[in-house]
PDB file of N, CA and C in Angstrom:
ATOM      1  N   UNK A   1     -16.857  44.482  -3.711  1.00  0.00           N
ATOM      2  CA  UNK A   1     -16.065  43.580  -4.508  1.00  0.00           C
ATOM      3  C   UNK A   1     -17.009  42.555  -5.140  1.00  0.00           C
ATOM      4  N   UNK A   2     -17.020  42.423  -6.454  1.00  0.00           N
ATOM      5  CA  UNK A   2     -17.947  41.492  -7.106  1.00  0.00           C
ATOM      6  C   UNK A   2     -17.553  40.033  -6.876  1.00  0.00           C
ATOM      7  N   UNK A   3     -18.571  39.203  -6.800  1.00  0.00           N
ATOM      8  CA  UNK A   3     -18.361  37.766  -6.627  1.00  0.00           C
ATOM      9  C   UNK A   3     -18.601  37.092  -7.975  1.00  0.00           C
ATOM     10  N   UNK A   4     -17.709  36.191  -8.417  1.00  0.00           N
ATOM     11  CA  UNK A   4     -17.935  35.525  -9.701  1.00  0.00           C
ATOM     12  C   UNK A   4     -19.208  34.685  -9.672  1.00  0.00           C
ATOM     13  N   UNK A   5     -19.933  34.689 -10.774  1.00  0.00           N
ATOM     14  CA  UNK A   5     -21.212  33.971 -10.853  1.00  0.00           C
ATOM     15  C   UNK A   5     -21.007  32.461 -10.964  1.00  0.00           C
ATOM     16  N   UNK A   6     -19.916  32.051 -11.587  1.00  0.00           N
ATOM     17  CA  UNK A   6     -19.664  30.618 -11.794  1.00  0.00           C
ATOM     18  C   UNK A   6     -18.372  30.229 -11.087  1.00  0.00           C
ATOM     19  N   UNK A   7     -18.367  29.043 -10.490  1.00  0.00           N
ATOM     20  CA  UNK A   7     -17.115  28.595  -9.873  1.00  0.00           C
ATOM     21  C   UNK A   7     -16.063  28.314 -10.952  1.00  0.00           C
ATOM     22  N   UNK A   8     -14.821  28.411 -10.560  1.00  0.00           N
ATOM     23  CA  UNK A   8     -13.744  28.142 -11.509  1.00  0.00           C
ATOM     24  C   UNK A   8     -13.751  26.671 -11.907  1.00  0.00           C
ATOM     25  N   UNK A   9     -13.523  26.383 -13.173  1.00  0.00           N
ATOM     26  CA  UNK A   9     -13.415  24.973 -13.578  1.00  0.00           C
ATOM     27  C   UNK A   9     -12.120  24.374 -13.043  1.00  0.00           C
ATOM     28  N   UNK A  10     -12.125  23.076 -12.829  1.00  0.00           N
ATOM     29  CA  UNK A  10     -10.921  22.391 -12.349  1.00  0.00           C
ATOM     30  C   UNK A  10      -9.870  22.401 -13.445  1.00  0.00           C
ATOM     31  N   UNK A  11      -8.619  22.607 -13.097  1.00  0.00           N
ATOM     32  CA  UNK A  11      -7.576  22.548 -14.117  1.00  0.00           C
ATOM     33  C   UNK A  11      -7.473  21.135 -14.705  1.00  0.00           C
ATOM     34  N   UNK A  12      -7.010  21.027 -15.915  1.00  0.00           N
ATOM     35  CA  UNK A  12      -6.950  19.727 -16.605  1.00  0.00           C
ATOM     36  C   UNK A  12      -6.031  18.749 -15.879  1.00  0.00           C
ATOM     37  N   UNK A  13      -4.988  19.228 -15.230  1.00  0.00           N
ATOM     38  CA  UNK A  13      -4.044  18.342 -14.565  1.00  0.00           C
ATOM     39  C   UNK A  13      -4.448  17.937 -13.167  1.00  0.00           C
ATOM     40  N   UNK A  14      -5.608  18.316 -12.690  1.00  0.00           N
ATOM     41  CA  UNK A  14      -6.009  18.017 -11.324  1.00  0.00           C
ATOM     42  C   UNK A  14      -6.469  16.574 -11.144  1.00  0.00           C
ATOM     43  N   UNK A  15      -6.860  15.915 -12.195  1.00  0.00           N
ATOM     44  CA  UNK A  15      -7.322  14.526 -12.084  1.00  0.00           C
ATOM     45  C   UNK A  15      -6.133  13.592 -12.022  1.00  0.00           C
ATOM     46  N   UNK A  16      -6.231  12.589 -11.158  1.00  0.00           N
ATOM     47  CA  UNK A  16      -5.154  11.617 -11.033  1.00  0.00           C
ATOM     48  C   UNK A  16      -5.330  10.510 -12.067  1.00  0.00           C
ATOM     49  N   UNK A  17      -4.240   9.997 -12.605  1.00  0.00           N
ATOM     50  CA  UNK A  17      -4.355   8.845 -13.502  1.00  0.00           C
ATOM     51  C   UNK A  17      -4.766   7.598 -12.710  1.00  0.00           C
ATOM     52  N   UNK A  18      -5.264   6.589 -13.399  1.00  0.00           N
ATOM     53  CA  UNK A  18      -5.773   5.385 -12.738  1.00  0.00           C
ATOM     54  C   UNK A  18      -4.694   4.687 -11.925  1.00  0.00           C
ATOM     55  N   UNK A  19      -3.449   4.718 -12.384  1.00  0.00           N
ATOM     56  CA  UNK A  19      -2.391   3.997 -11.693  1.00  0.00           C
ATOM     57  C   UNK A  19      -1.952   4.701 -10.414  1.00  0.00           C
ATOM     58  N   UNK A  20      -2.317   5.965 -10.233  1.00  0.00           N
ATOM     59  CA  UNK A  20      -1.957   6.675  -9.013  1.00  0.00           C
ATOM     60  C   UNK A  20      -2.693   6.094  -7.811  1.00  0.00           C
ATOM     61  N   UNK A  21      -3.806   5.459  -8.020  1.00  0.00           N
ATOM     62  CA  UNK A  21      -4.524   4.766  -6.955  1.00  0.00           C
ATOM     63  C   UNK A  21      -4.227   3.272  -6.974  1.00  0.00           C
ATOM     64  N   UNK A  22      -4.070   2.703  -8.172  1.00  0.00           N
ATOM     65  CA  UNK A  22      -3.873   1.256  -8.298  1.00  0.00           C
ATOM     66  C   UNK A  22      -2.533   0.796  -7.712  1.00  0.00           C
ATOM     67  N   UNK A  23      -1.472   1.556  -7.915  1.00  0.00           N
ATOM     68  CA  UNK A  23      -0.159   1.122  -7.432  1.00  0.00           C
ATOM     69  C   UNK A  23      -0.065   1.065  -5.905  1.00  0.00           C
ATOM     70  N   UNK A  24      -0.520   2.066  -5.175  1.00  0.00           N
ATOM     71  CA  UNK A  24      -0.481   1.929  -3.707  1.00  0.00           C
ATOM     72  C   UNK A  24      -1.368   0.792  -3.192  1.00  0.00           C
ATOM     73  N   UNK A  25      -2.511   0.593  -3.817  1.00  0.00           N
ATOM     74  CA  UNK A  25      -3.392  -0.509  -3.406  1.00  0.00           C
ATOM     75  C   UNK A  25      -2.708  -1.838  -3.655  1.00  0.00           C
ATOM     76  N   UNK A  26      -2.063  -1.991  -4.801  1.00  0.00           N
ATOM     77  CA  UNK A  26      -1.354  -3.223  -5.131  1.00  0.00           C
ATOM     78  C   UNK A  26      -0.200  -3.466  -4.162  1.00  0.00           C
ATOM     79  N   UNK A  27       0.547  -2.428  -3.828  1.00  0.00           N
ATOM     80  CA  UNK A  27       1.653  -2.566  -2.877  1.00  0.00           C
ATOM     81  C   UNK A  27       1.132  -2.954  -1.493  1.00  0.00           C
ATOM     82  N   UNK A  28       0.031  -2.359  -1.070  1.00  0.00           N
ATOM     83  CA  UNK A  28      -0.544  -2.685   0.237  1.00  0.00           C
ATOM     84  C   UNK A  28      -0.982  -4.147   0.287  1.00  0.00           C
ATOM     85  N   UNK A  29      -1.637  -4.612  -0.759  1.00  0.00           N
ATOM     86  CA  UNK A  29      -2.096  -6.002  -0.799  1.00  0.00           C
ATOM     87  C   UNK A  29      -0.907  -6.960  -0.791  1.00  0.00           C
ATOM     88  N   UNK A  30       0.151  -6.641  -1.549  1.00  0.00           N
ATOM     89  CA  UNK A  30       1.334  -7.500  -1.576  1.00  0.00           C
ATOM     90  C   UNK A  30       1.987  -7.575  -0.197  1.00  0.00           C
ATOM     91  N   UNK A  31       2.125  -6.445   0.489  1.00  0.00           N
ATOM     92  CA  UNK A  31       2.716  -6.468   1.826  1.00  0.00           C
ATOM     93  C   UNK A  31       1.829  -7.200   2.819  1.00  0.00           C
ATOM     94  N   UNK A  32       0.533  -7.047   2.688  1.00  0.00           N
ATOM     95  CA  UNK A  32      -0.391  -7.754   3.575  1.00  0.00           C
ATOM     96  C   UNK A  32      -0.275  -9.261   3.378  1.00  0.00           C
ATOM     97  N   UNK A  33      -0.157  -9.701   2.128  1.00  0.00           N
ATOM     98  CA  UNK A  33      -0.001 -11.134   1.865  1.00  0.00           C
ATOM     99  C   UNK A  33       1.315 -11.667   2.421  1.00  0.00           C
ATOM    100  N   UNK A  34       2.376 -10.875   2.324  1.00  0.00           N
ATOM    101  CA  UNK A  34       3.653 -11.308   2.894  1.00  0.00           C
ATOM    102  C   UNK A  34       3.580 -11.412   4.410  1.00  0.00           C
ATOM    103  N   UNK A  35       2.854 -10.510   5.035  1.00  0.00           N
ATOM    104  CA  UNK A  35       2.714 -10.591   6.486  1.00  0.00           C
ATOM    105  C   UNK A  35       1.881 -11.798   6.908  1.00  0.00           C
ATOM    106  N   UNK A  36       0.916 -12.164   6.096  1.00  0.00           N
ATOM    107  CA  UNK A  36       0.059 -13.296   6.433  1.00  0.00           C
ATOM    108  C   UNK A  36       0.767 -14.623   6.185  1.00  0.00           C
ATOM    109  N   UNK A  37       1.754 -14.644   5.284  1.00  0.00           N
ATOM    110  CA  UNK A  37       2.458 -15.878   4.962  1.00  0.00           C
ATOM    111  C   UNK A  37       3.961 -15.592   4.894  1.00  0.00           C
ATOM    112  N   UNK A  38       4.644 -15.512   6.029  1.00  0.00           N
ATOM    113  CA  UNK A  38       6.049 -15.129   6.045  1.00  0.00           C
ATOM    114  C   UNK A  38       6.967 -16.141   5.375  1.00  0.00           C
ATOM    115  N   UNK A  39       6.523 -17.365   5.150  1.00  0.00           N
ATOM    116  CA  UNK A  39       7.385 -18.324   4.462  1.00  0.00           C
ATOM    117  C   UNK A  39       7.674 -17.855   3.042  1.00  0.00           C
ATOM    118  N   UNK A  40       6.727 -17.146   2.411  1.00  0.00           N
ATOM    119  CA  UNK A  40       6.989 -16.565   1.097  1.00  0.00           C
ATOM    120  C   UNK A  40       8.028 -15.464   1.191  1.00  0.00           C
ATOM    121  N   UNK A  41       8.014 -14.716   2.269  1.00  0.00           N
ATOM    122  CA  UNK A  41       8.998 -13.650   2.445  1.00  0.00           C
ATOM    123  C   UNK A  41      10.391 -14.223   2.590  1.00  0.00           C
ATOM    124  N   UNK A  42      10.514 -15.373   3.251  1.00  0.00           N
ATOM    125  CA  UNK A  42      11.820 -16.006   3.406  1.00  0.00           C
ATOM    126  C   UNK A  42      12.362 -16.444   2.054  1.00  0.00           C
ATOM    127  N   UNK A  43      11.515 -17.029   1.224  1.00  0.00           N
ATOM    128  CA  UNK A  43      11.958 -17.486  -0.092  1.00  0.00           C
ATOM    129  C   UNK A  43      12.348 -16.303  -0.974  1.00  0.00           C
ATOM    130  N   UNK A  44      11.665 -15.198  -0.830  1.00  0.00           N
ATOM    131  CA  UNK A  44      11.951 -14.045  -1.674  1.00  0.00           C
ATOM    132  C   UNK A  44      13.210 -13.318  -1.230  1.00  0.00           C
ATOM    133  N   UNK A  45      13.445 -13.227   0.070  1.00  0.00           N
ATOM    134  CA  UNK A  45      14.571 -12.443   0.554  1.00  0.00           C
ATOM    135  C   UNK A  45      15.831 -13.275   0.732  1.00  0.00           C
ATOM    136  N   UNK A  46      15.680 -14.571   0.984  1.00  0.00           N
ATOM    137  CA  UNK A  46      16.834 -15.406   1.240  1.00  0.00           C
ATOM    138  C   UNK A  46      17.396 -15.185   2.640  1.00  0.00           C
ATOM    139  N   UNK A  47      16.721 -14.402   3.469  1.00  0.00           N
ATOM    140  CA  UNK A  47      17.185 -14.107   4.820  1.00  0.00           C
ATOM    141  C   UNK A  47      16.253 -14.783   5.821  1.00  0.00           C
ATOM    142  N   UNK A  48      16.672 -15.925   6.404  1.00  0.00           N
ATOM    143  CA  UNK A  48      15.768 -16.630   7.324  1.00  0.00           C
ATOM    144  C   UNK A  48      15.484 -15.841   8.600  1.00  0.00           C
ATOM    145  N   UNK A  49      16.394 -14.948   9.002  1.00  0.00           N
ATOM    146  CA  UNK A  49      16.153 -14.166  10.216  1.00  0.00           C
ATOM    147  C   UNK A  49      14.954 -13.243  10.036  1.00  0.00           C
ATOM    148  N   UNK A  50      14.841 -12.628   8.870  1.00  0.00           N
ATOM    149  CA  UNK A  50      13.711 -11.745   8.603  1.00  0.00           C
ATOM    150  C   UNK A  50      12.400 -12.528   8.623  1.00  0.00           C
ATOM    151  N   UNK A  51      12.403 -13.695   8.017  1.00  0.00           N
ATOM    152  CA  UNK A  51      11.191 -14.514   8.011  1.00  0.00           C
ATOM    153  C   UNK A  51      10.826 -14.940   9.431  1.00  0.00           C
ATOM    154  N   UNK A  52      11.835 -15.238  10.255  1.00  0.00           N
ATOM    155  CA  UNK A  52      11.567 -15.628  11.641  1.00  0.00           C
ATOM    156  C   UNK A  52      10.948 -14.466  12.412  1.00  0.00           C
ATOM    157  N   UNK A  53      11.464 -13.256  12.205  1.00  0.00           N
ATOM    158  CA  UNK A  53      10.923 -12.078  12.884  1.00  0.00           C
ATOM    159  C   UNK A  53       9.478 -11.836  12.454  1.00  0.00           C
ATOM    160  N   UNK A  54       9.213 -11.959  11.144  1.00  0.00           N
ATOM    161  CA  UNK A  54       7.848 -11.752  10.658  1.00  0.00           C
ATOM    162  C   UNK A  54       6.898 -12.813  11.201  1.00  0.00           C
ATOM    163  N   UNK A  55       7.370 -14.052  11.274  1.00  0.00           N
ATOM    164  CA  UNK A  55       6.531 -15.124  11.810  1.00  0.00           C
ATOM    165  C   UNK A  55       6.226 -14.875  13.281  1.00  0.00           C
ATOM    166  N   UNK A  56       7.223 -14.444  14.043  1.00  0.00           N
ATOM    167  CA  UNK A  56       7.030 -14.161  15.464  1.00  0.00           C
ATOM    168  C   UNK A  56       6.054 -12.997  15.655  1.00  0.00           C
ATOM    169  N   UNK A  57       6.173 -11.969  14.818  1.00  0.00           N
ATOM    170  CA  UNK A  57       5.259 -10.831  14.898  1.00  0.00           C
ATOM    171  C   UNK A  57       3.829 -11.264  14.588  1.00  0.00           C
ATOM    172  N   UNK A  58       3.674 -12.151  13.616  1.00  0.00           N
ATOM    173  CA  UNK A  58       2.332 -12.651  13.289  1.00  0.00           C
ATOM    174  C   UNK A  58       1.747 -13.433  14.447  1.00  0.00           C
ATOM    175  N   UNK A  59       2.580 -14.272  15.093  1.00  0.00           N
ATOM    176  CA  UNK A  59       2.111 -15.049  16.247  1.00  0.00           C
ATOM    177  C   UNK A  59       1.697 -14.135  17.393  1.00  0.00           C
ATOM    178  N   UNK A  60       2.481 -13.084  17.639  1.00  0.00           N
ATOM    179  CA  UNK A  60       2.145 -12.161  18.709  1.00  0.00           C
ATOM    180  C   UNK A  60       0.864 -11.399  18.405  1.00  0.00           C
ATOM    181  N   UNK A  61       0.630 -11.089  17.137  1.00  0.00           N
ATOM    182  CA  UNK A  61      -0.558 -10.346  16.748  1.00  0.00           C
ATOM    183  C   UNK A  61      -1.821 -11.190  16.906  1.00  0.00           C
ATOM    184  N   UNK A  62      -1.685 -12.501  16.790  1.00  0.00           N
ATOM    185  CA  UNK A  62      -2.846 -13.390  16.925  1.00  0.00           C
ATOM    186  C   UNK A  62      -3.302 -13.507  18.375  1.00  0.00           C
ATOM    187  N   UNK A  63      -2.413 -13.328  19.337  1.00  0.00           N
ATOM    188  CA  UNK A  63      -2.769 -13.504  20.745  1.00  0.00           C
ATOM    189  C   UNK A  63      -3.212 -12.243  21.376  1.00  0.00           C
TER     190      UNK A  63
END
């Protein structure tokens, strides 16, 4: 069985667009910032219980 001399070229659609990497990175950074400062999460959600839970989780993570 003959072996091809040259490897197959990559299909044109195999490359990811720039935003396919940028959007998950941006979402990760935004969530990380909310975890580091839960008071912003309270203002954004309007739910003080959620902010209290996030603050408690942050305190537990520090110890």
